[in-house]
Amino acid sequence: MKKFALGDVVNSDKGRRGVVRAAYRSKDGQQFYAVEKDGAMDYLEEGRLSPAPRVELAA
């Protein structure tokens, strides 16, 4: 089961934040995600990603 959905904001293990644009499985069954960061795409394993903290804005 996928840990992240399309459009989720995530942090990579290197601290960079991006948006999940695609999810897919390798032939070995490992889950990968295409993450857009500043207009560039990174392809990362699920274990290298964590959910980005949600920021609550004051009204």
Protein backbone atom coordinates (compact mmCIF):
# COMPACT_ATOMS: atom_id res chain seq x y z
CA MET A 1 0.00 0.00 0.00
CA LYS A 2 1.26 3.47 -0.89
CA LYS A 3 2.33 5.72 1.96
CA PHE A 4 1.85 8.97 -0.01
CA ALA A 5 -0.80 10.18 -2.46
CA LEU A 6 -0.50 12.43 -5.49
CA GLY A 7 -0.22 16.06 -4.40
CA ASP A 8 1.19 15.27 -0.94
CA VAL A 9 3.99 17.55 0.23
CA VAL A 10 6.97 15.48 1.39
CA ASN A 11 10.51 15.94 2.69
CA SER A 12 13.38 13.87 1.32
CA ASP A 13 16.08 12.39 3.54
CA LYS A 14 18.28 15.31 2.48
CA GLY A 15 15.79 17.86 3.84
CA ARG A 16 14.42 19.09 0.52
CA ARG A 17 10.66 19.61 0.23
CA GLY A 18 8.64 18.67 -2.84
CA VAL A 19 5.25 17.54 -4.15
CA VAL A 20 4.42 13.94 -5.13
CA ARG A 21 3.53 13.89 -8.84
CA ALA A 22 3.56 10.12 -9.55
CA ALA A 23 3.82 6.80 -7.69
CA TYR A 24 4.96 3.49 -9.15
CA ARG A 25 6.50 0.11 -8.28
CA SER A 26 9.76 -1.29 -9.57
CA LYS A 27 9.96 -4.81 -11.01
CA ASP A 28 11.25 -5.89 -7.60
CA GLY A 29 8.10 -4.53 -5.93
CA GLN A 30 9.74 -1.51 -4.31
CA GLN A 31 7.58 1.65 -4.11
CA PHE A 32 9.01 4.78 -5.80
CA TYR A 33 7.72 8.33 -6.12
CA ALA A 34 8.34 11.11 -8.62
CA VAL A 35 8.71 14.27 -6.52
CA GLU A 36 8.73 17.75 -8.07
CA LYS A 37 11.14 20.20 -6.45
CA ASP A 38 11.54 23.67 -7.93
CA GLY A 39 10.39 22.47 -11.36
CA ALA A 40 12.73 19.45 -11.42
CA MET A 41 11.70 15.82 -10.89
CA ASP A 42 13.45 13.49 -8.44
CA TYR A 43 12.69 9.77 -8.32
CA LEU A 44 12.97 8.51 -4.76
CA GLU A 45 12.30 5.33 -2.82
CA GLU A 46 9.48 5.43 -0.30
CA GLY A 47 11.91 4.96 2.60
CA ARG A 48 13.73 8.20 1.71
CA LEU A 49 10.56 10.32 2.11
CA SER A 50 8.65 11.61 5.12
CA PRO A 51 5.48 13.70 5.35
CA ALA A 52 6.11 17.44 5.54
CA PRO A 53 4.68 19.10 8.64
CA ARG A 54 1.49 21.01 7.99
CA VAL A 55 1.67 24.72 8.67
CA GLU A 56 -1.38 26.24 10.30
CA LEU A 57 -1.94 29.87 9.36
CA ALA A 58 -3.53 32.32 11.76
CA ALA A 59 -6.86 33.79 10.68
